Every structure is written in C-alpha cells, then in structure tokens.
Amino acid sequence: MERAQRVFEAAVRAEEAGHSAEALRLYEEASVIDPGAAHAQLRWATLLHFEGRWEDSIRIARQLTKRRPRIYLAHRLIGSNYVELSRWLMAERFFKRSLAIKQDPITWVLLSDVLGSAGRKEESEACLREALKVDPDYEEAHYNLGWMYKLKGKLTLAEEHLRKAIAIDRKYSRAYAELGHVLLKKGRAKEAVKVLRTSVRYGPDYGWSRLYLAIAFWRLRKLKDADEQYRKVMELWPDSSLSYTCYGDFLAYVGKDNLAAEWYLRKAFEMDPRDRMTNYHLGNHLAYWGREQETKPFLRKAARQGHSRAQERLRDIEKGRNRG
C-alpha cells in the first residue's frame, strides 16, 4: 500500500510537470500494485481522456466501476469519452448513471449538451434547470440557458441568465459575447459595444466576440472599426467560410469595393459550396450588381438548404426588384 502511494504521488508530480507518458506509466504501475486504489485508476483514466485515448480511458474507467460502482466521477468520465466518440446514447446512459449516484451540476450540463446534440431541446433545457437546482450559482448553466433563450428569441430571459453568469464570473468572455449579441438583437447597439469590448478584453481570441462587435460597429455606422473587427475574425478563423462571407457581405452593403466584396464571397463559396448563408449572400449581391442570370443557381441552392429569404429573393428578382 505504501509503495503504491509513493508511485501514485510520483505519477501526480509527473503529470503536473507535463510529462504525460511518464505519468500514465506510473498510474498504471500504482494500479497494478494496488488494484483497489481507485484514486490511481481514476487519475489514469482521466489523463487518458485528455490525451485523446478515449477507448483506453473507457476501458480503465469501466474496470473501476466494476470494483467501485458508486464512484460517480468514473461514470461521468465514461460518458465524456463517449461524447468524444460521438456515441450519444452511450454518453447519455453513463451521465444518467452518474447522476443516479450524485446530483452534480457539471454532469447535468454535460447531459444537456448530449441531449441538445440529439435535437432533444426541451429535455436539454430541463437538464440546465436541474443543474441550477443543485447549484444556483453555476455560471455555465446560466450561460447555456441564456444561449438557448437567445436562439428561441426569448431575449429578456436570455439577458437575465447571461447577466447572472457574468455576476458569478466577472471575466466570463463568452457570456459577455452572447450578452452583447442579445443587446444587438434588442436594438441596443451602443450598450452592446461596451459589453463586447469587455468580452474582447477578457478573450481577445474568441471569434464570436469580434464578429458581434463588427456587426455592432456597422449598426452604428462606425465602418472603419467594423472593418477592423471583420479582418480580425478572418485572422482568427482562417479556415471558416463564415468569416469571409460576413466580410464580403459587409463590403457589398457599404459599397466600399464591389470587386473585393465578390472576391471574399466567392472565396467563402470555394471553402464551403454547400453553405446556405454563403450561397444566399453571393446570390443576393450578384443580383444587386445587375447579374441576375448568375445569381439564380446560388439562391436556388440556398433555398433548397432552407435559407428563409432565398426563395423570396428569387421572386423579387423575377419581379425586377433587385435589393434584398
């Protein structure tokens, strides 16, 4: 037992020093010396998870749950590994097993994410409410609820929960970002700029903060500031068609440089030809530039993919109304 503890402590030191391979070897050794040492096996399985060895992590954690079935963290870890493997039903099963042992707010949020990924939105929201019953000050549950309410258009409730998340964690960059977006949707662009600047201060590399801030500056007709933020988004998301689509759309609407606008929109299309937003904006602006025959394939594709305004724009073009 003493030897196993010494090996375990050496493993912890190795892990904290960033020597993962050595730590994994020592955790395994400690577990072999003392098979009943749950703490060593749990640390071993957890490190395997963070190293991306999800199947191995599941194997070790399952061995642990057979010996010690009441360790809720082991069940939660297995669920988290199944999330990484996109095995949603198995993840749900193990998160629920964990919750049956202990009502933990983190596990409720993880289960919420799984159910949301499966399209079970009402159940997902209910999980967040359960998390807040366990811990009313769990900022991530407030953040996720705020994000959900934003998507539903329930902006007052979204603002309430996002402000609660920020009150708990004053440096919660993502919560500031989503709050800024909510304020934009409520027509409070000046207030949104202040909130989004705070988001950027605490998370300068969070792309959504920059994108929302660009939109806010555009609304306020601060075009130079908007341009700067859109360019920053492209730096942060160089492989995302969204960043190029948004910048091209901005350039086209403000009329600064139509050639550049088209270049960015076509670049976005090259990156993701199926994206409905890219197809819509490229088609919309081609129509405005008087190139109706070129625009129709893009708008038709956007309409097939469910863009809400694409079919309407096609009808406008047929009637000779150019601007969307």
C-alpha atoms as a PDB file:
ATOM      1  CA  MET A   1       0.000   0.000   0.000  1.00  0.00           C
ATOM      2  CA  GLU A   2       2.799   2.413   0.886  1.00  0.00           C
ATOM      3  CA  ARG A   3       4.660   1.588  -2.296  1.00  0.00           C
ATOM      4  CA  ALA A   4       1.532   2.103  -4.366  1.00  0.00           C
ATOM      5  CA  GLN A   5       1.024   5.509  -2.729  1.00  0.00           C
ATOM      6  CA  ARG A   6       4.614   6.542  -3.470  1.00  0.00           C
ATOM      7  CA  VAL A   7       4.244   5.546  -7.111  1.00  0.00           C
ATOM      8  CA  PHE A   8       0.906   7.399  -7.292  1.00  0.00           C
ATOM      9  CA  GLU A   9       2.430  10.585  -5.872  1.00  0.00           C
ATOM     10  CA  ALA A  10       5.273  10.328  -8.392  1.00  0.00           C
ATOM     11  CA  ALA A  11       2.681   9.997 -11.166  1.00  0.00           C
ATOM     12  CA  VAL A  12       0.889  13.132  -9.982  1.00  0.00           C
ATOM     13  CA  ARG A  13       4.179  15.058  -9.976  1.00  0.00           C
ATOM     14  CA  ALA A  14       4.977  13.833 -13.483  1.00  0.00           C
ATOM     15  CA  GLU A  15       1.521  14.842 -14.726  1.00  0.00           C
ATOM     16  CA  GLU A  16       1.761  18.291 -13.157  1.00  0.00           C
ATOM     17  CA  ALA A  17       5.179  18.745 -14.787  1.00  0.00           C
ATOM     18  CA  GLY A  18       3.681  17.931 -18.196  1.00  0.00           C
ATOM     19  CA  HIS A  19       5.306  14.522 -18.555  1.00  0.00           C
ATOM     20  CA  SER A  20       2.164  12.659 -19.606  1.00  0.00           C
ATOM     21  CA  ALA A  21       3.780   9.460 -20.858  1.00  0.00           C
ATOM     22  CA  GLU A  22       5.677   9.010 -17.587  1.00  0.00           C
ATOM     23  CA  ALA A  23       2.556   9.826 -15.580  1.00  0.00           C
ATOM     24  CA  LEU A  24       0.496   7.236 -17.455  1.00  0.00           C
ATOM     25  CA  ARG A  25       3.152   4.585 -16.844  1.00  0.00           C
ATOM     26  CA  LEU A  26       3.263   5.364 -13.131  1.00  0.00           C
ATOM     27  CA  TYR A  27      -0.547   5.461 -12.729  1.00  0.00           C
ATOM     28  CA  GLU A  28      -0.701   2.044 -14.359  1.00  0.00           C
ATOM     29  CA  GLU A  29       2.052   0.758 -12.081  1.00  0.00           C
ATOM     30  CA  ALA A  30       0.282   2.069  -8.980  1.00  0.00           C
ATOM     31  CA  SER A  31      -2.944   0.393 -10.108  1.00  0.00           C
ATOM     32  CA  VAL A  32      -1.185  -2.938 -10.642  1.00  0.00           C
ATOM     33  CA  ILE A  33       0.479  -2.771  -7.198  1.00  0.00           C
ATOM     34  CA  ASP A  34      -2.848  -1.956  -5.519  1.00  0.00           C
ATOM     35  CA  PRO A  35      -5.851  -2.881  -7.728  1.00  0.00           C
ATOM     36  CA  GLY A  36      -8.159  -1.387  -5.101  1.00  0.00           C
ATOM     37  CA  ALA A  37      -6.581   2.086  -5.395  1.00  0.00           C
ATOM     38  CA  ALA A  38      -9.495   3.881  -7.018  1.00  0.00           C
ATOM     39  CA  HIS A  39      -7.774   7.272  -6.987  1.00  0.00           C
ATOM     40  CA  ALA A  40      -4.892   5.977  -9.142  1.00  0.00           C
ATOM     41  CA  GLN A  41      -7.205   4.345 -11.674  1.00  0.00           C
ATOM     42  CA  LEU A  42      -9.403   7.431 -11.896  1.00  0.00           C
ATOM     43  CA  ARG A  43      -6.407   9.710 -12.499  1.00  0.00           C
ATOM     44  CA  TRP A  44      -5.068   7.226 -15.038  1.00  0.00           C
ATOM     45  CA  ALA A  45      -8.365   7.087 -16.944  1.00  0.00           C
ATOM     46  CA  THR A  46      -8.761  10.867 -16.759  1.00  0.00           C
ATOM     47  CA  LEU A  47      -5.316  11.507 -18.203  1.00  0.00           C
ATOM     48  CA  LEU A  48      -6.002   9.014 -20.983  1.00  0.00           C
ATOM     49  CA  HIS A  49      -9.136  11.023 -21.779  1.00  0.00           C
ATOM     50  CA  PHE A  50      -7.218  14.283 -22.047  1.00  0.00           C
ATOM     51  CA  GLU A  51      -4.586  12.575 -24.198  1.00  0.00           C
ATOM     52  CA  GLY A  52      -7.327  11.635 -26.665  1.00  0.00           C
ATOM     53  CA  ARG A  53      -7.126   7.924 -25.909  1.00  0.00           C
ATOM     54  CA  TRP A  54     -10.861   7.623 -25.327  1.00  0.00           C
ATOM     55  CA  GLU A  55     -11.275   3.883 -25.818  1.00  0.00           C
ATOM     56  CA  ASP A  56      -8.452   3.190 -23.355  1.00  0.00           C
ATOM     57  CA  SER A  57      -9.965   5.646 -20.885  1.00  0.00           C
ATOM     58  CA  ILE A  58     -13.327   3.877 -21.120  1.00  0.00           C
ATOM     59  CA  ARG A  59     -11.670   0.500 -20.523  1.00  0.00           C
ATOM     60  CA  ILE A  60      -9.879   1.643 -17.355  1.00  0.00           C
ATOM     61  CA  ALA A  61     -12.870   3.575 -16.011  1.00  0.00           C
ATOM     62  CA  ARG A  62     -15.189   0.615 -16.611  1.00  0.00           C
ATOM     63  CA  GLN A  63     -12.803  -1.660 -14.726  1.00  0.00           C
ATOM     64  CA  LEU A  64     -13.010   0.823 -11.879  1.00  0.00           C
ATOM     65  CA  THR A  65     -16.824   0.935 -11.873  1.00  0.00           C
ATOM     66  CA  LYS A  66     -16.969  -2.852 -11.664  1.00  0.00           C
ATOM     67  CA  ARG A  67     -14.931  -2.748  -8.443  1.00  0.00           C
ATOM     68  CA  ARG A  68     -16.364   0.518  -7.115  1.00  0.00           C
ATOM     69  CA  PRO A  69     -19.775   1.098  -8.746  1.00  0.00           C
ATOM     70  CA  ARG A  70     -20.591   4.174  -6.620  1.00  0.00           C
ATOM     71  CA  ILE A  71     -17.813   6.427  -7.929  1.00  0.00           C
ATOM     72  CA  TYR A  72     -19.894   8.948  -9.848  1.00  0.00           C
ATOM     73  CA  LEU A  73     -16.842  10.613 -11.432  1.00  0.00           C
ATOM     74  CA  ALA A  74     -15.907   7.361 -13.174  1.00  0.00           C
ATOM     75  CA  HIS A  75     -19.350   7.075 -14.784  1.00  0.00           C
ATOM     76  CA  ARG A  76     -19.190  10.737 -15.812  1.00  0.00           C
ATOM     77  CA  LEU A  77     -15.738  10.207 -17.327  1.00  0.00           C
ATOM     78  CA  ILE A  78     -17.007   7.262 -19.372  1.00  0.00           C
ATOM     79  CA  GLY A  79     -19.849   9.449 -20.623  1.00  0.00           C
ATOM     80  CA  SER A  80     -17.396  12.186 -21.595  1.00  0.00           C
ATOM     81  CA  ASN A  81     -15.335   9.691 -23.575  1.00  0.00           C
ATOM     82  CA  TYR A  82     -18.420   8.560 -25.458  1.00  0.00           C
ATOM     83  CA  VAL A  83     -19.137  12.203 -26.285  1.00  0.00           C
ATOM     84  CA  GLU A  84     -15.719  12.446 -27.915  1.00  0.00           C
ATOM     85  CA  LEU A  85     -16.544   9.310 -29.899  1.00  0.00           C
ATOM     86  CA  SER A  86     -19.924  10.833 -30.930  1.00  0.00           C
ATOM     87  CA  ARG A  87     -21.746   7.913 -29.307  1.00  0.00           C
ATOM     88  CA  TRP A  88     -24.564   9.975 -27.865  1.00  0.00           C
ATOM     89  CA  LEU A  89     -26.782   7.209 -26.496  1.00  0.00           C
ATOM     90  CA  MET A  90     -23.923   5.657 -24.562  1.00  0.00           C
ATOM     91  CA  ALA A  91     -22.891   9.085 -23.262  1.00  0.00           C
ATOM     92  CA  GLU A  92     -26.449   9.725 -22.102  1.00  0.00           C
ATOM     93  CA  ARG A  93     -26.583   6.354 -20.367  1.00  0.00           C
ATOM     94  CA  PHE A  94     -23.417   6.934 -18.332  1.00  0.00           C
ATOM     95  CA  PHE A  95     -24.220  10.545 -17.442  1.00  0.00           C
ATOM     96  CA  LYS A  96     -27.549   9.333 -16.083  1.00  0.00           C
ATOM     97  CA  ARG A  97     -25.789   6.588 -14.117  1.00  0.00           C
ATOM     98  CA  SER A  98     -23.516   9.230 -12.632  1.00  0.00           C
ATOM     99  CA  LEU A  99     -26.482  11.416 -11.696  1.00  0.00           C
ATOM    100  CA  ALA A 100     -28.224   8.464 -10.049  1.00  0.00           C
ATOM    101  CA  ILE A 101     -25.267   8.314  -7.662  1.00  0.00           C
ATOM    102  CA  LYS A 102     -24.787  12.043  -7.147  1.00  0.00           C
ATOM    103  CA  GLN A 103     -26.709  15.103  -8.295  1.00  0.00           C
ATOM    104  CA  ASP A 104     -23.868  17.134  -9.734  1.00  0.00           C
ATOM    105  CA  PRO A 105     -24.372  20.354 -11.750  1.00  0.00           C
ATOM    106  CA  ILE A 106     -21.459  19.654 -14.088  1.00  0.00           C
ATOM    107  CA  THR A 107     -22.953  16.289 -15.046  1.00  0.00           C
ATOM    108  CA  TRP A 108     -26.348  17.889 -15.661  1.00  0.00           C
ATOM    109  CA  VAL A 109     -24.736  20.374 -18.064  1.00  0.00           C
ATOM    110  CA  LEU A 110     -22.862  17.595 -19.863  1.00  0.00           C
ATOM    111  CA  LEU A 111     -26.108  15.642 -20.241  1.00  0.00           C
ATOM    112  CA  SER A 112     -27.796  18.801 -21.511  1.00  0.00           C
ATOM    113  CA  ASP A 113     -25.151  19.113 -24.235  1.00  0.00           C
ATOM    114  CA  VAL A 114     -25.673  15.497 -25.310  1.00  0.00           C
ATOM    115  CA  LEU A 115     -29.452  15.852 -25.479  1.00  0.00           C
ATOM    116  CA  GLY A 116     -29.101  19.128 -27.364  1.00  0.00           C
ATOM    117  CA  SER A 117     -26.833  17.433 -29.912  1.00  0.00           C
ATOM    118  CA  ALA A 118     -29.567  14.828 -30.399  1.00  0.00           C
ATOM    119  CA  GLY A 119     -32.151  17.547 -31.067  1.00  0.00           C
ATOM    120  CA  ARG A 120     -33.964  16.971 -27.764  1.00  0.00           C
ATOM    121  CA  LYS A 121     -34.089  20.660 -26.934  1.00  0.00           C
ATOM    122  CA  GLU A 122     -36.755  20.668 -24.240  1.00  0.00           C
ATOM    123  CA  GLU A 123     -35.007  17.883 -22.333  1.00  0.00           C
ATOM    124  CA  SER A 124     -31.712  19.699 -22.754  1.00  0.00           C
ATOM    125  CA  GLU A 125     -33.162  22.870 -21.241  1.00  0.00           C
ATOM    126  CA  ALA A 126     -34.689  20.881 -18.376  1.00  0.00           C
ATOM    127  CA  CYS A 127     -31.228  19.495 -17.522  1.00  0.00           C
ATOM    128  CA  LEU A 128     -29.879  23.021 -17.131  1.00  0.00           C
ATOM    129  CA  ARG A 129     -32.693  23.844 -14.755  1.00  0.00           C
ATOM    130  CA  GLU A 130     -31.802  20.751 -12.739  1.00  0.00           C
ATOM    131  CA  ALA A 131     -28.185  21.937 -12.631  1.00  0.00           C
ATOM    132  CA  LEU A 132     -29.326  25.245 -11.148  1.00  0.00           C
ATOM    133  CA  LYS A 133     -31.451  23.451  -8.562  1.00  0.00           C
ATOM    134  CA  VAL A 134     -28.286  21.729  -7.365  1.00  0.00           C
ATOM    135  CA  ASP A 135     -26.151  24.879  -7.602  1.00  0.00           C
ATOM    136  CA  PRO A 136     -27.963  28.181  -8.320  1.00  0.00           C
ATOM    137  CA  ASP A 137     -24.575  29.853  -8.829  1.00  0.00           C
ATOM    138  CA  TYR A 138     -23.240  27.528 -11.512  1.00  0.00           C
ATOM    139  CA  GLU A 139     -22.296  30.050 -14.159  1.00  0.00           C
ATOM    140  CA  GLU A 140     -22.073  27.610 -17.073  1.00  0.00           C
ATOM    141  CA  ALA A 141     -25.689  26.533 -16.590  1.00  0.00           C
ATOM    142  CA  HIS A 142     -26.771  30.189 -16.651  1.00  0.00           C
ATOM    143  CA  TYR A 143     -24.660  30.777 -19.762  1.00  0.00           C
ATOM    144  CA  ASN A 144     -26.108  27.784 -21.596  1.00  0.00           C
ATOM    145  CA  LEU A 145     -29.665  28.766 -20.669  1.00  0.00           C
ATOM    146  CA  GLY A 146     -29.003  32.298 -21.877  1.00  0.00           C
ATOM    147  CA  TRP A 147     -27.686  30.937 -25.167  1.00  0.00           C
ATOM    148  CA  MET A 148     -30.741  28.689 -25.565  1.00  0.00           C
ATOM    149  CA  TYR A 149     -33.159  31.514 -24.865  1.00  0.00           C
ATOM    150  CA  LYS A 150     -31.343  33.694 -27.395  1.00  0.00           C
ATOM    151  CA  LEU A 151     -31.901  31.055 -30.077  1.00  0.00           C
ATOM    152  CA  LYS A 152     -35.575  30.861 -29.124  1.00  0.00           C
ATOM    153  CA  GLY A 153     -35.945  34.623 -29.364  1.00  0.00           C
ATOM    154  CA  LYS A 154     -36.711  34.948 -25.654  1.00  0.00           C
ATOM    155  CA  LEU A 155     -34.310  37.832 -25.319  1.00  0.00           C
ATOM    156  CA  THR A 156     -35.328  39.102 -21.872  1.00  0.00           C
ATOM    157  CA  LEU A 157     -34.770  35.668 -20.322  1.00  0.00           C
ATOM    158  CA  ALA A 158     -31.532  35.305 -22.278  1.00  0.00           C
ATOM    159  CA  GLU A 159     -30.257  38.627 -20.959  1.00  0.00           C
ATOM    160  CA  GLU A 160     -31.230  37.683 -17.400  1.00  0.00           C
ATOM    161  CA  HIS A 161     -29.276  34.420 -17.395  1.00  0.00           C
ATOM    162  CA  LEU A 162     -26.244  35.833 -19.179  1.00  0.00           C
ATOM    163  CA  ARG A 163     -26.038  38.680 -16.673  1.00  0.00           C
ATOM    164  CA  LYS A 164     -26.215  36.125 -13.854  1.00  0.00           C
ATOM    165  CA  ALA A 165     -23.337  34.180 -15.407  1.00  0.00           C
ATOM    166  CA  ILE A 166     -21.277  37.382 -15.584  1.00  0.00           C
ATOM    167  CA  ALA A 167     -22.153  38.334 -11.997  1.00  0.00           C
ATOM    168  CA  ILE A 168     -20.725  34.979 -10.895  1.00  0.00           C
ATOM    169  CA  ASP A 169     -17.660  35.136 -13.157  1.00  0.00           C
ATOM    170  CA  ARG A 170     -16.663  38.699 -13.995  1.00  0.00           C
ATOM    171  CA  LYS A 171     -14.180  37.509 -16.632  1.00  0.00           C
ATOM    172  CA  TYR A 172     -16.553  35.166 -18.495  1.00  0.00           C
ATOM    173  CA  SER A 173     -15.686  36.303 -22.020  1.00  0.00           C
ATOM    174  CA  ARG A 174     -18.228  34.116 -23.818  1.00  0.00           C
ATOM    175  CA  ALA A 175     -21.057  35.274 -21.592  1.00  0.00           C
ATOM    176  CA  TYR A 176     -20.189  38.899 -22.391  1.00  0.00           C
ATOM    177  CA  ALA A 177     -20.152  37.978 -26.099  1.00  0.00           C
ATOM    178  CA  GLU A 178     -23.602  36.398 -26.045  1.00  0.00           C
ATOM    179  CA  LEU A 179     -24.978  39.218 -23.905  1.00  0.00           C
ATOM    180  CA  GLY A 180     -23.648  41.683 -26.460  1.00  0.00           C
ATOM    181  CA  HIS A 181     -25.409  39.776 -29.239  1.00  0.00           C
ATOM    182  CA  VAL A 182     -28.663  39.769 -27.275  1.00  0.00           C
ATOM    183  CA  LEU A 183     -28.386  43.532 -26.784  1.00  0.00           C
ATOM    184  CA  LEU A 184     -27.823  43.923 -30.526  1.00  0.00           C
ATOM    185  CA  LYS A 185     -30.981  41.929 -31.199  1.00  0.00           C
ATOM    186  CA  LYS A 186     -32.831  44.221 -28.770  1.00  0.00           C
ATOM    187  CA  GLY A 187     -31.661  47.296 -30.681  1.00  0.00           C
ATOM    188  CA  ARG A 188     -29.204  48.464 -28.010  1.00  0.00           C
ATOM    189  CA  ALA A 189     -26.092  48.724 -30.184  1.00  0.00           C
ATOM    190  CA  LYS A 190     -24.205  51.285 -28.071  1.00  0.00           C
ATOM    191  CA  GLU A 191     -24.625  49.181 -24.944  1.00  0.00           C
ATOM    192  CA  ALA A 192     -23.670  46.098 -26.938  1.00  0.00           C
ATOM    193  CA  VAL A 193     -20.370  47.701 -27.997  1.00  0.00           C
ATOM    194  CA  LYS A 194     -19.414  48.294 -24.377  1.00  0.00           C
ATOM    195  CA  VAL A 195     -20.232  44.716 -23.394  1.00  0.00           C
ATOM    196  CA  LEU A 196     -18.461  43.262 -26.430  1.00  0.00           C
ATOM    197  CA  ARG A 197     -15.333  45.319 -25.795  1.00  0.00           C
ATOM    198  CA  THR A 198     -15.256  43.715 -22.348  1.00  0.00           C
ATOM    199  CA  SER A 199     -15.600  40.290 -23.958  1.00  0.00           C
ATOM    200  CA  VAL A 200     -12.640  41.047 -26.244  1.00  0.00           C
ATOM    201  CA  ARG A 201     -10.573  42.280 -23.298  1.00  0.00           C
ATOM    202  CA  TYR A 202     -11.034  39.005 -21.425  1.00  0.00           C
ATOM    203  CA  GLY A 203     -10.934  36.759 -24.517  1.00  0.00           C
ATOM    204  CA  PRO A 204      -9.132  38.505 -27.391  1.00  0.00           C
ATOM    205  CA  ASP A 205      -9.010  35.344 -29.487  1.00  0.00           C
ATOM    206  CA  TYR A 206     -12.705  34.472 -29.198  1.00  0.00           C
ATOM    207  CA  GLY A 207     -14.011  34.968 -32.729  1.00  0.00           C
ATOM    208  CA  TRP A 208     -17.687  35.444 -31.886  1.00  0.00           C
ATOM    209  CA  SER A 209     -16.880  38.477 -29.733  1.00  0.00           C
ATOM    210  CA  ARG A 210     -15.135  40.073 -32.693  1.00  0.00           C
ATOM    211  CA  LEU A 211     -17.902  39.173 -35.134  1.00  0.00           C
ATOM    212  CA  TYR A 212     -20.663  40.577 -32.912  1.00  0.00           C
ATOM    213  CA  LEU A 213     -18.570  43.690 -32.305  1.00  0.00           C
ATOM    214  CA  ALA A 214     -18.121  44.170 -36.053  1.00  0.00           C
ATOM    215  CA  ILE A 215     -21.895  43.992 -36.506  1.00  0.00           C
ATOM    216  CA  ALA A 216     -22.433  46.464 -33.661  1.00  0.00           C
ATOM    217  CA  PHE A 217     -19.992  48.967 -35.174  1.00  0.00           C
ATOM    218  CA  TRP A 218     -21.689  48.524 -38.556  1.00  0.00           C
ATOM    219  CA  ARG A 219     -25.071  49.302 -36.982  1.00  0.00           C
ATOM    220  CA  LEU A 220     -23.583  52.484 -35.516  1.00  0.00           C
ATOM    221  CA  ARG A 221     -22.018  53.341 -38.920  1.00  0.00           C
ATOM    222  CA  LYS A 222     -18.531  53.149 -37.470  1.00  0.00           C
ATOM    223  CA  LEU A 223     -17.319  51.483 -40.638  1.00  0.00           C
ATOM    224  CA  LYS A 224     -13.578  51.696 -40.048  1.00  0.00           C
ATOM    225  CA  ASP A 225     -13.977  49.993 -36.664  1.00  0.00           C
ATOM    226  CA  ALA A 226     -16.285  47.385 -38.189  1.00  0.00           C
ATOM    227  CA  ASP A 227     -13.792  46.683 -40.973  1.00  0.00           C
ATOM    228  CA  GLU A 228     -11.022  46.174 -38.426  1.00  0.00           C
ATOM    229  CA  GLN A 229     -13.063  43.644 -36.471  1.00  0.00           C
ATOM    230  CA  TYR A 230     -14.140  41.705 -39.566  1.00  0.00           C
ATOM    231  CA  ARG A 231     -10.487  41.394 -40.581  1.00  0.00           C
ATOM    232  CA  LYS A 232      -9.624  40.171 -37.108  1.00  0.00           C
ATOM    233  CA  VAL A 233     -12.320  37.500 -37.405  1.00  0.00           C
ATOM    234  CA  MET A 234     -10.684  36.250 -40.616  1.00  0.00           C
ATOM    235  CA  GLU A 235      -7.334  36.072 -38.814  1.00  0.00           C
ATOM    236  CA  LEU A 236      -8.906  34.023 -36.024  1.00  0.00           C
ATOM    237  CA  TRP A 237     -10.967  31.823 -38.369  1.00  0.00           C
ATOM    238  CA  PRO A 238      -8.791  31.466 -41.493  1.00  0.00           C
ATOM    239  CA  ASP A 239     -10.432  28.171 -42.482  1.00  0.00           C
ATOM    240  CA  SER A 240     -14.034  29.218 -41.898  1.00  0.00           C
ATOM    241  CA  SER A 241     -16.261  30.303 -44.780  1.00  0.00           C
ATOM    242  CA  LEU A 242     -18.355  32.294 -42.283  1.00  0.00           C
ATOM    243  CA  SER A 243     -15.654  34.903 -41.717  1.00  0.00           C
ATOM    244  CA  TYR A 244     -15.237  35.516 -45.472  1.00  0.00           C
ATOM    245  CA  THR A 245     -18.996  35.568 -46.063  1.00  0.00           C
ATOM    246  CA  CYS A 246     -19.559  38.158 -43.359  1.00  0.00           C
ATOM    247  CA  TYR A 247     -16.778  40.416 -44.556  1.00  0.00           C
ATOM    248  CA  GLY A 248     -17.840  40.152 -48.185  1.00  0.00           C
ATOM    249  CA  ASP A 249     -21.426  40.949 -47.215  1.00  0.00           C
ATOM    250  CA  PHE A 250     -20.246  43.980 -45.241  1.00  0.00           C
ATOM    251  CA  LEU A 251     -18.138  45.308 -48.130  1.00  0.00           C
ATOM    252  CA  ALA A 252     -21.000  44.822 -50.565  1.00  0.00           C
ATOM    253  CA  TYR A 253     -23.560  46.628 -48.432  1.00  0.00           C
ATOM    254  CA  VAL A 254     -21.384  49.601 -47.573  1.00  0.00           C
ATOM    255  CA  GLY A 255     -20.343  49.853 -51.245  1.00  0.00           C
ATOM    256  CA  LYS A 256     -16.656  50.261 -50.463  1.00  0.00           C
ATOM    257  CA  ASP A 257     -15.291  47.862 -53.058  1.00  0.00           C
ATOM    258  CA  ASN A 258     -17.585  45.544 -55.012  1.00  0.00           C
ATOM    259  CA  LEU A 259     -14.686  43.659 -56.607  1.00  0.00           C
ATOM    260  CA  ALA A 260     -13.258  42.920 -53.182  1.00  0.00           C
ATOM    261  CA  ALA A 261     -16.712  42.034 -51.854  1.00  0.00           C
ATOM    262  CA  GLU A 262     -17.228  39.500 -54.622  1.00  0.00           C
ATOM    263  CA  TRP A 263     -13.740  38.061 -54.088  1.00  0.00           C
ATOM    264  CA  TYR A 264     -14.449  37.377 -50.402  1.00  0.00           C
ATOM    265  CA  LEU A 265     -17.886  35.920 -51.118  1.00  0.00           C
ATOM    266  CA  ARG A 266     -16.502  33.625 -53.823  1.00  0.00           C
ATOM    267  CA  LYS A 267     -13.636  32.635 -51.540  1.00  0.00           C
ATOM    268  CA  ALA A 268     -16.229  31.615 -48.943  1.00  0.00           C
ATOM    269  CA  PHE A 269     -18.073  29.616 -51.605  1.00  0.00           C
ATOM    270  CA  GLU A 270     -14.867  27.800 -52.590  1.00  0.00           C
ATOM    271  CA  MET A 271     -14.321  26.888 -48.931  1.00  0.00           C
ATOM    272  CA  ASP A 272     -17.854  25.543 -48.443  1.00  0.00           C
ATOM    273  CA  PRO A 273     -20.036  25.363 -51.590  1.00  0.00           C
ATOM    274  CA  ARG A 274     -22.945  23.926 -49.608  1.00  0.00           C
ATOM    275  CA  ASP A 275     -23.224  26.683 -47.013  1.00  0.00           C
ATOM    276  CA  ARG A 276     -26.665  28.262 -47.335  1.00  0.00           C
ATOM    277  CA  MET A 277     -25.620  31.614 -45.894  1.00  0.00           C
ATOM    278  CA  THR A 278     -22.750  31.949 -48.377  1.00  0.00           C
ATOM    279  CA  ASN A 279     -24.950  30.956 -51.301  1.00  0.00           C
ATOM    280  CA  TYR A 280     -27.622  33.433 -50.248  1.00  0.00           C
ATOM    281  CA  HIS A 281     -25.322  36.424 -49.827  1.00  0.00           C
ATOM    282  CA  LEU A 282     -23.368  35.741 -53.004  1.00  0.00           C
ATOM    283  CA  GLY A 283     -26.574  35.363 -54.985  1.00  0.00           C
ATOM    284  CA  ASN A 284     -28.187  38.382 -53.343  1.00  0.00           C
ATOM    285  CA  HIS A 285     -25.318  40.724 -54.154  1.00  0.00           C
ATOM    286  CA  LEU A 286     -24.840  39.429 -57.694  1.00  0.00           C
ATOM    287  CA  ALA A 287     -28.480  40.308 -58.278  1.00  0.00           C
ATOM    288  CA  TYR A 288     -27.980  43.800 -56.898  1.00  0.00           C
ATOM    289  CA  TRP A 289     -24.980  44.239 -59.187  1.00  0.00           C
ATOM    290  CA  GLY A 290     -27.258  43.505 -62.149  1.00  0.00           C
ATOM    291  CA  ARG A 291     -26.081  39.953 -62.819  1.00  0.00           C
ATOM    292  CA  GLU A 292     -29.428  38.179 -62.401  1.00  0.00           C
ATOM    293  CA  GLN A 293     -28.582  35.120 -64.502  1.00  0.00           C
ATOM    294  CA  GLU A 294     -25.503  34.394 -62.369  1.00  0.00           C
ATOM    295  CA  THR A 295     -27.395  34.774 -59.114  1.00  0.00           C
ATOM    296  CA  LYS A 296     -30.128  32.180 -59.577  1.00  0.00           C
ATOM    297  CA  PRO A 297     -28.071  28.974 -59.022  1.00  0.00           C
ATOM    298  CA  PHE A 298     -26.785  30.341 -55.703  1.00  0.00           C
ATOM    299  CA  LEU A 299     -30.185  31.439 -54.448  1.00  0.00           C
ATOM    300  CA  ARG A 300     -31.806  28.190 -55.556  1.00  0.00           C
ATOM    301  CA  LYS A 301     -29.180  26.222 -53.655  1.00  0.00           C
ATOM    302  CA  ALA A 302     -29.697  28.400 -50.574  1.00  0.00           C
ATOM    303  CA  ALA A 303     -33.461  27.878 -50.839  1.00  0.00           C
ATOM    304  CA  ARG A 304     -33.055  24.081 -51.100  1.00  0.00           C
ATOM    305  CA  GLN A 305     -30.882  24.175 -47.995  1.00  0.00           C
ATOM    306  CA  GLY A 306     -33.526  26.066 -46.040  1.00  0.00           C
ATOM    307  CA  HIS A 307     -32.414  29.704 -46.084  1.00  0.00           C
ATOM    308  CA  SER A 308     -35.537  31.600 -45.070  1.00  0.00           C
ATOM    309  CA  ARG A 309     -35.143  34.511 -47.506  1.00  0.00           C
ATOM    310  CA  ALA A 310     -33.691  32.853 -50.600  1.00  0.00           C
ATOM    311  CA  GLN A 311     -36.993  31.921 -52.230  1.00  0.00           C
ATOM    312  CA  GLU A 312     -38.322  35.407 -51.541  1.00  0.00           C
ATOM    313  CA  ARG A 313     -35.272  36.940 -53.253  1.00  0.00           C
ATOM    314  CA  LEU A 314     -35.797  34.759 -56.303  1.00  0.00           C
ATOM    315  CA  ARG A 315     -39.359  36.039 -56.561  1.00  0.00           C
ATOM    316  CA  ASP A 316     -38.128  39.632 -56.162  1.00  0.00           C
ATOM    317  CA  ILE A 317     -35.642  39.163 -58.978  1.00  0.00           C
ATOM    318  CA  GLU A 318     -38.359  37.818 -61.268  1.00  0.00           C
ATOM    319  CA  LYS A 319     -40.393  40.949 -60.475  1.00  0.00           C
ATOM    320  CA  GLY A 320     -37.428  43.245 -61.118  1.00  0.00           C
ATOM    321  CA  ARG A 321     -36.747  44.182 -57.502  1.00  0.00           C
ATOM    322  CA  ASN A 322     -33.007  43.896 -57.002  1.00  0.00           C
ATOM    323  CA  ARG A 323     -32.082  44.680 -53.417  1.00  0.00           C
ATOM    324  CA  GLY A 324     -32.617  42.099 -50.620  1.00  0.00           C
END
